[in-house]
Protein backbone atom coordinates (compact mmCIF):
# COMPACT_ATOMS: atom_id res chain seq x y z
CA UNK A 1 0.00 0.00 0.00
CA UNK A 2 1.50 3.33 -1.07
CA UNK A 3 1.35 6.14 1.48
CA UNK A 4 1.57 9.84 0.88
CA UNK A 5 4.47 11.74 2.41
CA UNK A 6 4.29 13.23 5.88
CA UNK A 7 4.17 16.76 4.46
CA UNK A 8 1.27 15.85 2.17
CA UNK A 9 -0.63 14.34 5.09
CA UNK A 10 0.24 17.23 7.44
CA UNK A 11 -0.88 20.05 5.14
CA UNK A 12 -3.54 22.11 6.92
CA UNK A 13 -3.64 19.66 9.80
CA UNK A 14 -2.33 21.70 12.73
CA UNK A 15 -3.91 24.65 14.56
CA UNK A 16 -0.45 25.75 15.68
CA UNK A 17 3.11 24.94 14.66
CA UNK A 18 6.13 25.53 16.91
CA UNK A 19 9.38 26.25 15.14
CA UNK A 20 11.91 26.94 17.89
CA UNK A 21 15.63 27.06 17.05
CA UNK A 22 14.95 25.50 13.63
CA UNK A 23 14.74 28.21 10.97
CA UNK A 24 18.41 29.18 11.06
CA UNK A 25 19.36 25.52 10.58
CA UNK A 26 17.29 25.35 7.40
CA UNK A 27 18.21 28.74 5.94
CA UNK A 28 21.78 29.37 7.15
CA UNK A 29 22.94 25.77 7.63
CA UNK A 30 21.19 23.97 4.77
CA UNK A 31 20.87 26.88 2.35
CA UNK A 32 17.11 26.69 1.85
CA UNK A 33 15.34 29.88 0.79
CA UNK A 34 13.50 31.54 3.67
CA UNK A 35 10.51 32.12 1.39
CA UNK A 36 10.20 28.40 0.70
CA UNK A 37 10.48 27.54 4.39
CA UNK A 38 7.81 30.10 5.35
CA UNK A 39 5.54 28.88 2.56
CA UNK A 40 5.86 25.32 3.83
CA UNK A 41 5.15 26.36 7.42
CA UNK A 42 2.09 28.32 6.33
CA UNK A 43 0.76 25.21 4.61
CA UNK A 44 1.06 23.17 7.80
CA UNK A 45 -0.86 25.46 10.16
CA UNK A 46 -4.46 26.58 9.95
CA UNK A 47 -3.87 29.41 12.43
CA UNK A 48 -0.65 30.03 14.41
CA UNK A 49 3.07 29.73 13.91
CA UNK A 50 5.38 30.33 16.85
CA UNK A 51 8.87 30.83 15.46
CA UNK A 52 12.23 31.78 16.92
CA UNK A 53 14.52 34.05 14.93
CA UNK A 54 18.21 33.53 15.72
CA UNK A 55 20.37 36.46 14.53
CA UNK A 56 23.45 35.91 12.37
CA UNK A 57 25.53 37.28 15.26
CA UNK A 58 24.52 34.31 17.45
CA UNK A 59 27.43 31.92 17.99
CA UNK A 60 25.38 28.89 16.88
CA UNK A 61 24.18 30.64 13.74
CA UNK A 62 27.78 31.51 12.88
CA UNK A 63 28.79 27.86 13.33
CA UNK A 64 26.03 26.75 10.98
CA UNK A 65 27.31 29.15 8.31
CA UNK A 66 30.65 27.25 8.33
CA UNK A 67 32.61 30.31 7.29
CA UNK A 68 30.22 31.35 4.52
CA UNK A 69 28.98 34.95 4.66
CA UNK A 70 25.43 35.38 5.92
CA UNK A 71 24.01 38.28 3.93
CA UNK A 72 21.40 40.71 5.25
CA UNK A 73 19.05 39.90 2.39
CA UNK A 74 19.26 36.17 3.07
CA UNK A 75 19.09 36.16 6.88
CA UNK A 76 18.20 39.18 8.98
CA UNK A 77 15.32 40.03 11.24
CA UNK A 78 13.99 42.51 8.66
CA UNK A 79 14.10 39.82 5.97
CA UNK A 80 12.44 37.31 8.30
CA UNK A 81 9.61 39.73 9.09
CA UNK A 82 9.10 40.66 5.43
CA UNK A 83 8.90 37.02 4.36
CA UNK A 84 6.71 36.07 7.33
CA UNK A 85 4.24 38.81 6.48
CA UNK A 86 3.58 37.26 3.07
CA UNK A 87 1.61 34.51 4.86
CA UNK A 88 1.19 35.73 8.44
CA UNK A 89 0.35 38.72 10.60
CA UNK A 90 2.85 39.36 13.38
CA UNK A 91 0.73 39.13 16.53
CA UNK A 92 3.57 39.43 19.04
CA UNK A 93 7.35 39.40 19.31
CA UNK A 94 9.68 39.17 22.27
CA UNK A 95 13.45 39.58 22.08
CA UNK A 96 15.52 37.78 24.67
CA UNK A 97 18.12 40.23 25.94
CA UNK A 98 21.44 38.42 26.14
CA UNK A 99 21.61 36.64 22.80
CA UNK A 100 19.11 38.70 20.83
CA UNK A 101 16.93 35.79 19.79
CA UNK A 102 13.36 36.85 19.02
CA UNK A 103 10.24 34.77 19.54
CA UNK A 104 7.38 35.52 17.14
CA UNK A 105 3.73 34.64 17.35
CA UNK A 106 2.40 34.72 13.79
CA UNK A 107 -1.24 34.33 12.71
CA UNK A 108 -1.85 32.91 9.25
CA UNK A 109 -3.69 35.13 6.77
CA UNK A 110 -7.14 33.81 5.96
CA UNK A 111 -6.57 34.37 2.23
CA UNK A 112 -3.49 33.90 0.12
CA UNK A 113 -1.59 37.15 -0.09
CA UNK A 114 1.65 36.05 -1.66
CA UNK A 115 3.62 37.53 -4.54
CA UNK A 116 5.76 34.60 -5.61
């Protein structure tokens, strides 16, 4: 019996998705486009995404870059917010003081509002 992939089965399944200390691994470490990652996350949740932004200045983010430059347009808080707002409304944000990591509560738009 053939089964569909997890992502196919998970699409639109969750009321909320938690994405803590993950995004920088996908974008900085694995080189995925932030837009693609945000699009995927928006397809998984019917309502909320709680995501942690880890700045390029964070020691762990720098290690993931493995010496490659992390450009502002690829990975910055401004870029994260701009890409997030294609699919979500920023409901809340809280920046942790020492390391500058920011926790976002994002609410999915009820209609598609994406310029791909």
